[in-house]
C-alpha atoms as a PDB file:
ATOM      1  CA  ALA A   1     -29.326 -15.774   2.822  1.00  0.00           C
ATOM      2  CA  ILE A   2     -26.229 -18.013   2.786  1.00  0.00           C
ATOM      3  CA  GLN A   3     -27.395 -19.843   5.938  1.00  0.00           C
ATOM      4  CA  ASP A   4     -30.305 -21.389   3.992  1.00  0.00           C
ATOM      5  CA  PHE A   5     -28.160 -22.945   1.222  1.00  0.00           C
ATOM      6  CA  PRO A   6     -28.296 -26.768   1.039  1.00  0.00           C
ATOM      7  CA  GLY A   7     -25.186 -28.259   2.620  1.00  0.00           C
ATOM      8  CA  VAL A   8     -24.411 -25.220   4.820  1.00  0.00           C
ATOM      9  CA  ARG A   9     -24.476 -26.025   8.556  1.00  0.00           C
ATOM     10  CA  ARG A  10     -23.801 -22.517   9.837  1.00  0.00           C
ATOM     11  CA  VAL A  11     -22.285 -19.178   8.871  1.00  0.00           C
ATOM     12  CA  ASP A  12     -19.717 -17.465  11.108  1.00  0.00           C
ATOM     13  CA  SER A  13     -19.362 -13.701  10.757  1.00  0.00           C
ATOM     14  CA  LEU A  14     -19.524 -10.503  12.790  1.00  0.00           C
ATOM     15  CA  SER A  15     -23.312 -10.780  12.496  1.00  0.00           C
ATOM     16  CA  THR A  16     -23.584 -14.286  13.969  1.00  0.00           C
ATOM     17  CA  VAL A  17     -20.608 -15.130  16.231  1.00  0.00           C
ATOM     18  CA  PRO A  18     -21.199 -14.045  19.859  1.00  0.00           C
ATOM     19  CA  LEU A  19     -18.593 -11.676  21.292  1.00  0.00           C
ATOM     20  CA  ILE A  20     -18.206 -12.384  25.008  1.00  0.00           C
ATOM     21  CA  GLN A  21     -18.098  -9.169  27.036  1.00  0.00           C
ATOM     22  CA  SER A  22     -18.570  -8.641  30.769  1.00  0.00           C
ATOM     23  CA  SER A  23     -19.617  -5.431  32.487  1.00  0.00           C
ATOM     24  CA  PRO A  24     -18.277  -4.114  35.834  1.00  0.00           C
ATOM     25  CA  ASN A  25     -21.470  -5.273  37.580  1.00  0.00           C
ATOM     26  CA  GLY A  26     -20.924  -8.874  36.446  1.00  0.00           C
ATOM     27  CA  ASP A  27     -23.373  -9.014  33.530  1.00  0.00           C
ATOM     28  CA  VAL A  28     -22.194 -11.004  30.496  1.00  0.00           C
ATOM     29  CA  SER A  29     -23.121  -9.992  26.951  1.00  0.00           C
ATOM     30  CA  LEU A  30     -23.106 -12.571  24.137  1.00  0.00           C
ATOM     31  CA  GLU A  31     -24.383 -10.316  21.391  1.00  0.00           C
ATOM     32  CA  PRO A  32     -22.669 -10.551  17.969  1.00  0.00           C
ATOM     33  CA  ALA A  33     -20.841  -7.391  16.952  1.00  0.00           C
ATOM     34  CA  LEU A  34     -23.323  -6.528  14.198  1.00  0.00           C
ATOM     35  CA  ALA A  35     -26.454  -7.986  15.789  1.00  0.00           C
ATOM     36  CA  GLY A  36     -28.140  -4.599  15.533  1.00  0.00           C
ATOM     37  CA  GLY A  37     -26.781  -3.730  12.102  1.00  0.00           C
ATOM     38  CA  VAL A  38     -23.911  -1.460  11.124  1.00  0.00           C
ATOM     39  CA  PRO A  39     -23.641   1.617  13.385  1.00  0.00           C
ATOM     40  CA  GLU A  40     -23.816   5.003  11.736  1.00  0.00           C
ATOM     41  CA  SER A  41     -22.405   7.454  14.292  1.00  0.00           C
ATOM     42  CA  PRO A  42     -18.623   7.747  14.752  1.00  0.00           C
ATOM     43  CA  GLU A  43     -18.955   7.060  18.489  1.00  0.00           C
ATOM     44  CA  GLU A  44     -20.835   3.805  17.910  1.00  0.00           C
ATOM     45  CA  LEU A  45     -18.321   2.746  15.249  1.00  0.00           C
ATOM     46  CA  ARG A  46     -15.395   3.363  17.628  1.00  0.00           C
ATOM     47  CA  ALA A  47     -17.146   1.389  20.370  1.00  0.00           C
ATOM     48  CA  LEU A  48     -17.778  -1.468  17.919  1.00  0.00           C
ATOM     49  CA  ALA A  49     -14.116  -1.491  16.827  1.00  0.00           C
ATOM     50  CA  ALA A  50     -12.929  -1.565  20.435  1.00  0.00           C
ATOM     51  CA  ARG A  51     -15.283  -4.440  21.256  1.00  0.00           C
ATOM     52  CA  VAL A  52     -14.092  -6.486  18.286  1.00  0.00           C
ATOM     53  CA  ARG A  53     -10.408  -5.842  19.100  1.00  0.00           C
ATOM     54  CA  ALA A  54     -10.943  -6.920  22.723  1.00  0.00           C
ATOM     55  CA  ASP A  55     -12.490 -10.259  21.726  1.00  0.00           C
ATOM     56  CA  ARG A  56     -10.374 -13.441  21.713  1.00  0.00           C
ATOM     57  CA  ILE A  57     -11.905 -14.918  18.540  1.00  0.00           C
ATOM     58  CA  ALA A  58     -12.775 -12.106  16.145  1.00  0.00           C
ATOM     59  CA  PRO A  59      -9.297 -10.615  15.444  1.00  0.00           C
ATOM     60  CA  ARG A  60      -7.519 -12.496  12.615  1.00  0.00           C
ATOM     61  CA  THR A  61     -10.496 -14.863  12.361  1.00  0.00           C
ATOM     62  CA  LEU A  62     -13.453 -12.670  11.456  1.00  0.00           C
ATOM     63  CA  VAL A  63     -11.454  -9.485  10.886  1.00  0.00           C
ATOM     64  CA  SER A  64      -8.117  -9.272   9.047  1.00  0.00           C
ATOM     65  CA  PHE A  65      -4.906  -8.226  10.777  1.00  0.00           C
ATOM     66  CA  ASP A  66      -4.937  -4.798   9.117  1.00  0.00           C
ATOM     67  CA  GLU A  67      -8.710  -4.452   9.796  1.00  0.00           C
ATOM     68  CA  ARG A  68      -9.427  -3.716   6.139  1.00  0.00           C
ATOM     69  CA  ALA A  69     -11.439  -6.875   5.471  1.00  0.00           C
ATOM     70  CA  PHE A  70     -13.818  -9.193   7.319  1.00  0.00           C
ATOM     71  CA  ALA A  71     -14.661 -12.867   6.838  1.00  0.00           C
ATOM     72  CA  VAL A  72     -17.882 -14.772   6.281  1.00  0.00           C
ATOM     73  CA  ASN A  73     -16.974 -18.388   7.008  1.00  0.00           C
ATOM     74  CA  LEU A  74     -19.252 -21.156   5.778  1.00  0.00           C
ATOM     75  CA  VAL A  75     -19.177 -24.307   7.903  1.00  0.00           C
ATOM     76  CA  LEU A  76     -20.506 -27.078   5.662  1.00  0.00           C
ATOM     77  CA  GLU A  77     -22.375 -30.252   6.505  1.00  0.00           C
ATOM     78  CA  ARG A  78     -20.475 -33.514   6.407  1.00  0.00           C
ATOM     79  CA  GLY A  79     -20.717 -34.995   2.914  1.00  0.00           C
ATOM     80  CA  ALA A  80     -21.619 -31.646   1.313  1.00  0.00           C
ATOM     81  CA  GLU A  81     -19.322 -32.289  -1.672  1.00  0.00           C
ATOM     82  CA  ALA A  82     -22.327 -32.775  -3.955  1.00  0.00           C
ATOM     83  CA  HIS A  83     -23.455 -29.208  -3.157  1.00  0.00           C
ATOM     84  CA  TYR A  84     -20.091 -27.487  -3.737  1.00  0.00           C
ATOM     85  CA  GLY A  85     -21.052 -26.203  -7.166  1.00  0.00           C
ATOM     86  CA  SER A  86     -24.471 -24.862  -6.128  1.00  0.00           C
ATOM     87  CA  ILE A  87     -23.084 -23.314  -2.911  1.00  0.00           C
ATOM     88  CA  LEU A  88     -20.353 -21.417  -4.771  1.00  0.00           C
ATOM     89  CA  SER A  89     -22.820 -20.330  -7.437  1.00  0.00           C
ATOM     90  CA  GLU A  90     -25.210 -18.955  -4.807  1.00  0.00           C
ATOM     91  CA  VAL A  91     -22.356 -17.253  -2.919  1.00  0.00           C
ATOM     92  CA  GLU A  92     -21.257 -15.515  -6.116  1.00  0.00           C
ATOM     93  CA  LYS A  93     -24.839 -14.331  -6.718  1.00  0.00           C
ATOM     94  CA  ALA A  94     -25.226 -13.106  -3.129  1.00  0.00           C
ATOM     95  CA  THR A  95     -21.950 -11.162  -3.272  1.00  0.00           C
ATOM     96  CA  GLN A  96     -22.309  -9.823  -6.794  1.00  0.00           C
ATOM     97  CA  GLY A  97     -21.128  -6.238  -6.997  1.00  0.00           C
ATOM     98  CA  ALA A  98     -19.173  -6.421  -3.745  1.00  0.00           C
ATOM     99  CA  ARG A  99     -15.393  -6.600  -3.470  1.00  0.00           C
ATOM    100  CA  VAL A 100     -14.976 -10.159  -2.207  1.00  0.00           C
ATOM    101  CA  TRP A 101     -12.492 -13.011  -2.316  1.00  0.00           C
ATOM    102  CA  ILE A 102     -13.975 -16.520  -2.297  1.00  0.00           C
ATOM    103  CA  SER A 103     -11.611 -19.238  -1.138  1.00  0.00           C
ATOM    104  CA  GLY A 104     -11.550 -22.631   0.552  1.00  0.00           C
ATOM    105  CA  VAL A 105     -11.652 -26.354  -0.146  1.00  0.00           C
ATOM    106  CA  PRO A 106     -14.777 -26.252  -2.403  1.00  0.00           C
ATOM    107  CA  VAL A 107     -13.130 -23.700  -4.709  1.00  0.00           C
ATOM    108  CA  PHE A 108     -10.008 -25.867  -4.985  1.00  0.00           C
ATOM    109  CA  ARG A 109     -11.996 -29.071  -5.463  1.00  0.00           C
ATOM    110  CA  LEU A 110     -14.154 -27.689  -8.270  1.00  0.00           C
ATOM    111  CA  ALA A 111     -11.158 -26.192 -10.070  1.00  0.00           C
ATOM    112  CA  ALA A 112      -9.178 -29.426  -9.677  1.00  0.00           C
ATOM    113  CA  ASP A 113     -12.111 -31.566 -10.868  1.00  0.00           C
ATOM    114  CA  SER A 114     -12.580 -29.378 -13.934  1.00  0.00           C
ATOM    115  CA  ARG A 115      -8.868 -29.609 -14.744  1.00  0.00           C
ATOM    116  CA  THR A 116      -8.948 -33.364 -14.177  1.00  0.00           C
ATOM    117  CA  ARG A 117     -11.834 -33.868 -16.603  1.00  0.00           C
ATOM    118  CA  SER A 118     -10.125 -31.814 -19.301  1.00  0.00           C
ATOM    119  CA  GLU A 119      -6.890 -33.802 -18.841  1.00  0.00           C
ATOM    120  CA  LEU A 120      -8.813 -37.087 -19.095  1.00  0.00           C
ATOM    121  CA  ALA A 121     -10.401 -35.944 -22.345  1.00  0.00           C
ATOM    122  CA  LEU A 122      -6.976 -35.017 -23.741  1.00  0.00           C
ATOM    123  CA  PHE A 123      -4.484 -37.572 -22.458  1.00  0.00           C
ATOM    124  CA  ILE A 124      -6.457 -40.834 -22.671  1.00  0.00           C
ATOM    125  CA  PRO A 125      -7.118 -40.527 -26.439  1.00  0.00           C
ATOM    126  CA  LEU A 126      -3.524 -39.328 -26.904  1.00  0.00           C
ATOM    127  CA  THR A 127      -2.177 -42.318 -24.954  1.00  0.00           C
ATOM    128  CA  ILE A 128      -4.325 -44.738 -26.953  1.00  0.00           C
ATOM    129  CA  ALA A 129      -3.086 -43.205 -30.200  1.00  0.00           C
ATOM    130  CA  VAL A 130       0.566 -43.596 -29.160  1.00  0.00           C
ATOM    131  CA  VAL A 131      -0.029 -47.219 -28.028  1.00  0.00           C
ATOM    132  CA  VAL A 132      -1.749 -48.050 -31.319  1.00  0.00           C
ATOM    133  CA  LEU A 133       1.164 -46.537 -33.252  1.00  0.00           C
ATOM    134  CA  ILE A 134       3.769 -48.522 -31.281  1.00  0.00           C
ATOM    135  CA  LEU A 135       1.858 -51.818 -31.612  1.00  0.00           C
ATOM    136  CA  ALA A 136       1.349 -51.259 -35.340  1.00  0.00           C
ATOM    137  CA  MET A 137       5.071 -50.612 -35.802  1.00  0.00           C
ATOM    138  CA  LEU A 138       6.057 -53.697 -33.798  1.00  0.00           C
ATOM    139  CA  PHE A 139       3.620 -56.320 -35.080  1.00  0.00           C
ATOM    140  CA  ARG A 140       2.340 -54.824 -38.378  1.00  0.00           C
ATOM    141  CA  LYS A 141      -1.032 -56.578 -37.996  1.00  0.00           C
ATOM    142  CA  ALA A 142      -4.464 -55.125 -37.257  1.00  0.00           C
ATOM    143  CA  ARG A 143      -5.300 -57.942 -34.837  1.00  0.00           C
ATOM    144  CA  ALA A 144      -2.165 -57.225 -32.823  1.00  0.00           C
ATOM    145  CA  VAL A 145      -3.431 -53.666 -32.349  1.00  0.00           C
ATOM    146  CA  LEU A 146      -7.078 -54.489 -31.649  1.00  0.00           C
ATOM    147  CA  ILE A 147      -6.481 -57.197 -29.020  1.00  0.00           C
ATOM    148  CA  PRO A 148      -4.544 -55.034 -26.516  1.00  0.00           C
ATOM    149  CA  VAL A 149      -6.637 -51.898 -27.080  1.00  0.00           C
ATOM    150  CA  CYS A 150      -9.973 -53.723 -26.795  1.00  0.00           C
ATOM    151  CA  SER A 151      -8.998 -55.703 -23.704  1.00  0.00           C
ATOM    152  CA  SER A 152      -7.650 -52.590 -21.982  1.00  0.00           C
ATOM    153  CA  GLY A 153     -10.647 -50.553 -23.093  1.00  0.00           C
ATOM    154  CA  LEU A 154     -13.014 -53.146 -21.645  1.00  0.00           C
ATOM    155  CA  GLY A 155     -11.223 -52.976 -18.290  1.00  0.00           C
ATOM    156  CA  ILE A 156     -11.334 -49.163 -18.248  1.00  0.00           C
ATOM    157  CA  TRP A 157     -15.022 -49.157 -19.212  1.00  0.00           C
ATOM    158  CA  MET A 158     -15.893 -51.613 -16.413  1.00  0.00           C
ATOM    159  CA  MET A 159     -13.865 -49.620 -13.880  1.00  0.00           C
ATOM    160  CA  LEU A 160     -15.446 -46.263 -14.767  1.00  0.00           C
ATOM    161  CA  GLY A 161     -18.892 -47.876 -14.848  1.00  0.00           C
ATOM    162  CA  ALA A 162     -18.351 -49.320 -11.360  1.00  0.00           C
ATOM    163  CA  MET A 163     -17.118 -45.932 -10.087  1.00  0.00           C
ATOM    164  CA  GLY A 164     -20.210 -44.256 -11.494  1.00  0.00           C
ATOM    165  CA  ALA A 165     -22.565 -46.867 -10.001  1.00  0.00           C
ATOM    166  CA  LEU A 166     -20.894 -46.515  -6.585  1.00  0.00           C
ATOM    167  CA  HIS A 167     -20.760 -42.683  -6.830  1.00  0.00           C
ATOM    168  CA  VAL A 168     -16.960 -42.638  -6.554  1.00  0.00           C
ATOM    169  CA  PRO A 169     -15.710 -39.314  -7.982  1.00  0.00           C
ATOM    170  CA  ILE A 170     -12.803 -38.946 -10.383  1.00  0.00           C
ATOM    171  CA  THR A 171     -10.209 -36.991  -8.397  1.00  0.00           C
ATOM    172  CA  ILE A 172      -6.574 -35.983  -8.715  1.00  0.00           C
ATOM    173  CA  THR A 173      -5.685 -39.414  -7.285  1.00  0.00           C
ATOM    174  CA  THR A 174      -8.011 -41.611  -9.348  1.00  0.00           C
ATOM    175  CA  VAL A 175      -7.419 -39.775 -12.619  1.00  0.00           C
ATOM    176  CA  ILE A 176      -4.336 -41.956 -13.283  1.00  0.00           C
ATOM    177  CA  LEU A 177      -6.336 -45.215 -13.162  1.00  0.00           C
ATOM    178  CA  PRO A 178      -7.391 -45.296 -16.859  1.00  0.00           C
ATOM    179  CA  SER A 179      -3.772 -44.842 -17.966  1.00  0.00           C
ATOM    180  CA  VAL A 180      -2.581 -47.496 -15.496  1.00  0.00           C
ATOM    181  CA  LEU A 181      -5.161 -50.028 -16.732  1.00  0.00           C
ATOM    182  CA  LEU A 182      -4.333 -49.213 -20.339  1.00  0.00           C
ATOM    183  CA  ALA A 183      -0.639 -49.834 -19.697  1.00  0.00           C
ATOM    184  CA  LEU A 184      -1.266 -53.073 -17.789  1.00  0.00           C
ATOM    185  CA  GLY A 185      -3.738 -54.417 -20.341  1.00  0.00           C
ATOM    186  CA  CYS A 186      -1.382 -53.720 -23.215  1.00  0.00           C
ATOM    187  CA  ALA A 187       1.585 -55.233 -21.341  1.00  0.00           C
ATOM    188  CA  TYR A 188      -0.265 -58.489 -20.669  1.00  0.00           C
ATOM    189  CA  SER A 189      -1.538 -58.616 -24.249  1.00  0.00           C
ATOM    190  CA  VAL A 190       1.947 -58.057 -25.666  1.00  0.00           C
ATOM    191  CA  HIS A 191       3.149 -61.159 -23.776  1.00  0.00           C
ATOM    192  CA  LEU A 192       0.429 -63.173 -25.515  1.00  0.00           C
ATOM    193  CA  LEU A 193       1.222 -61.677 -28.910  1.00  0.00           C
ATOM    194  CA  CYS A 194       4.950 -62.340 -28.532  1.00  0.00           C
ATOM    195  CA  ALA A 195       4.244 -65.947 -27.519  1.00  0.00           C
ATOM    196  CA  VAL A 196       2.290 -66.708 -30.693  1.00  0.00           C
ATOM    197  CA  SER A 197       4.106 -64.485 -33.179  1.00  0.00           C
ATOM    198  CA  SER A 198       7.139 -66.747 -33.550  1.00  0.00           C
ATOM    199  CA  VAL A 199       5.365 -70.137 -33.717  1.00  0.00           C
ATOM    200  CA  SER A 200       3.308 -71.922 -36.347  1.00  0.00           C
ATOM    201  CA  GLU A 201      -0.489 -71.940 -36.262  1.00  0.00           C
ATOM    202  CA  SER A 202      -0.588 -75.516 -34.939  1.00  0.00           C
ATOM    203  CA  GLU A 203       1.621 -74.579 -31.989  1.00  0.00           C
ATOM    204  CA  ARG A 204      -0.270 -71.461 -30.953  1.00  0.00           C
ATOM    205  CA  SER A 205      -2.542 -73.206 -28.441  1.00  0.00           C
ATOM    206  CA  GLU A 206       0.419 -74.611 -26.534  1.00  0.00           C
ATOM    207  CA  ALA A 207       2.215 -71.267 -26.668  1.00  0.00           C
ATOM    208  CA  LEU A 208      -0.848 -69.469 -25.287  1.00  0.00           C
ATOM    209  CA  LEU A 209      -1.249 -72.010 -22.468  1.00  0.00           C
ATOM    210  CA  ALA A 210       2.413 -71.622 -21.540  1.00  0.00           C
ATOM    211  CA  VAL A 211       2.069 -67.878 -20.869  1.00  0.00           C
ATOM    212  CA  SER A 212      -1.558 -67.775 -19.685  1.00  0.00           C
ATOM    213  CA  PHE A 213      -0.816 -68.874 -16.113  1.00  0.00           C
ATOM    214  CA  PRO A 214       1.973 -66.337 -15.391  1.00  0.00           C
ATOM    215  CA  ILE A 215      -0.101 -63.576 -17.000  1.00  0.00           C
ATOM    216  CA  ALA A 216      -3.159 -64.499 -14.894  1.00  0.00           C
ATOM    217  CA  LEU A 217      -1.002 -64.663 -11.767  1.00  0.00           C
ATOM    218  CA  SER A 218       0.536 -61.295 -12.555  1.00  0.00           C
ATOM    219  CA  GLY A 219      -2.908 -59.771 -13.065  1.00  0.00           C
ATOM    220  CA  LEU A 220      -4.148 -61.242  -9.778  1.00  0.00           C
ATOM    221  CA  THR A 221      -1.229 -59.890  -7.758  1.00  0.00           C
ATOM    222  CA  THR A 222      -1.617 -56.474  -9.400  1.00  0.00           C
ATOM    223  CA  SER A 223      -5.336 -56.460  -8.556  1.00  0.00           C
ATOM    224  CA  LEU A 224      -4.572 -57.351  -4.937  1.00  0.00           C
ATOM    225  CA  GLY A 225      -2.005 -54.560  -4.771  1.00  0.00           C
ATOM    226  CA  LEU A 226      -4.429 -51.983  -6.145  1.00  0.00           C
ATOM    227  CA  LEU A 227      -7.155 -53.275  -3.803  1.00  0.00           C
ATOM    228  CA  ALA A 228      -4.832 -52.860  -0.822  1.00  0.00           C
ATOM    229  CA  VAL A 229      -4.005 -49.290  -1.864  1.00  0.00           C
END
């Protein structure tokens, strides 16, 4: 049943992996251990156990060291990440009622992605709230709060939109990007606000021009650094 799941290339288990065995007359057997089903008689069970123990692959790979558990290993297709959720869901259905442990990269990835999404939903609004509070305390003007938050928010929105259009997932690595862009956008905006806060209205244009070039240069070098990473 598991072999037919989308994204599964093959399934390795005692029912599918050939056990190489040669007879005294030179014949070679490549039958899987459970190709004919689970034996019922004690003699057949002992013969099966001896065959599995004598194999070079099955011990510690398909059967545990203490021989109390066996493995069903799913070898996935390249690029099967989109099917991780459906594969695990189908595996849980197929093994329902059995005493099983499901492990591997897909389990970790799904758990990490779920945790990442919940942290994004919590920490980005919390970070924005703290930034708004600090800016309001420093400048005591609504415009001084809106300019940094809106410029940073626009950058984050464009970045997440581009990631969605290019099917780039949010992972443990990329989850920090919204916070980084928020910090950078606010830092650049604060330079502008500081430049105009201590001058008269007639001098604001010159003050903005004086800091615009270094801010643009700083943004360009930061973009190049992130692009290189």
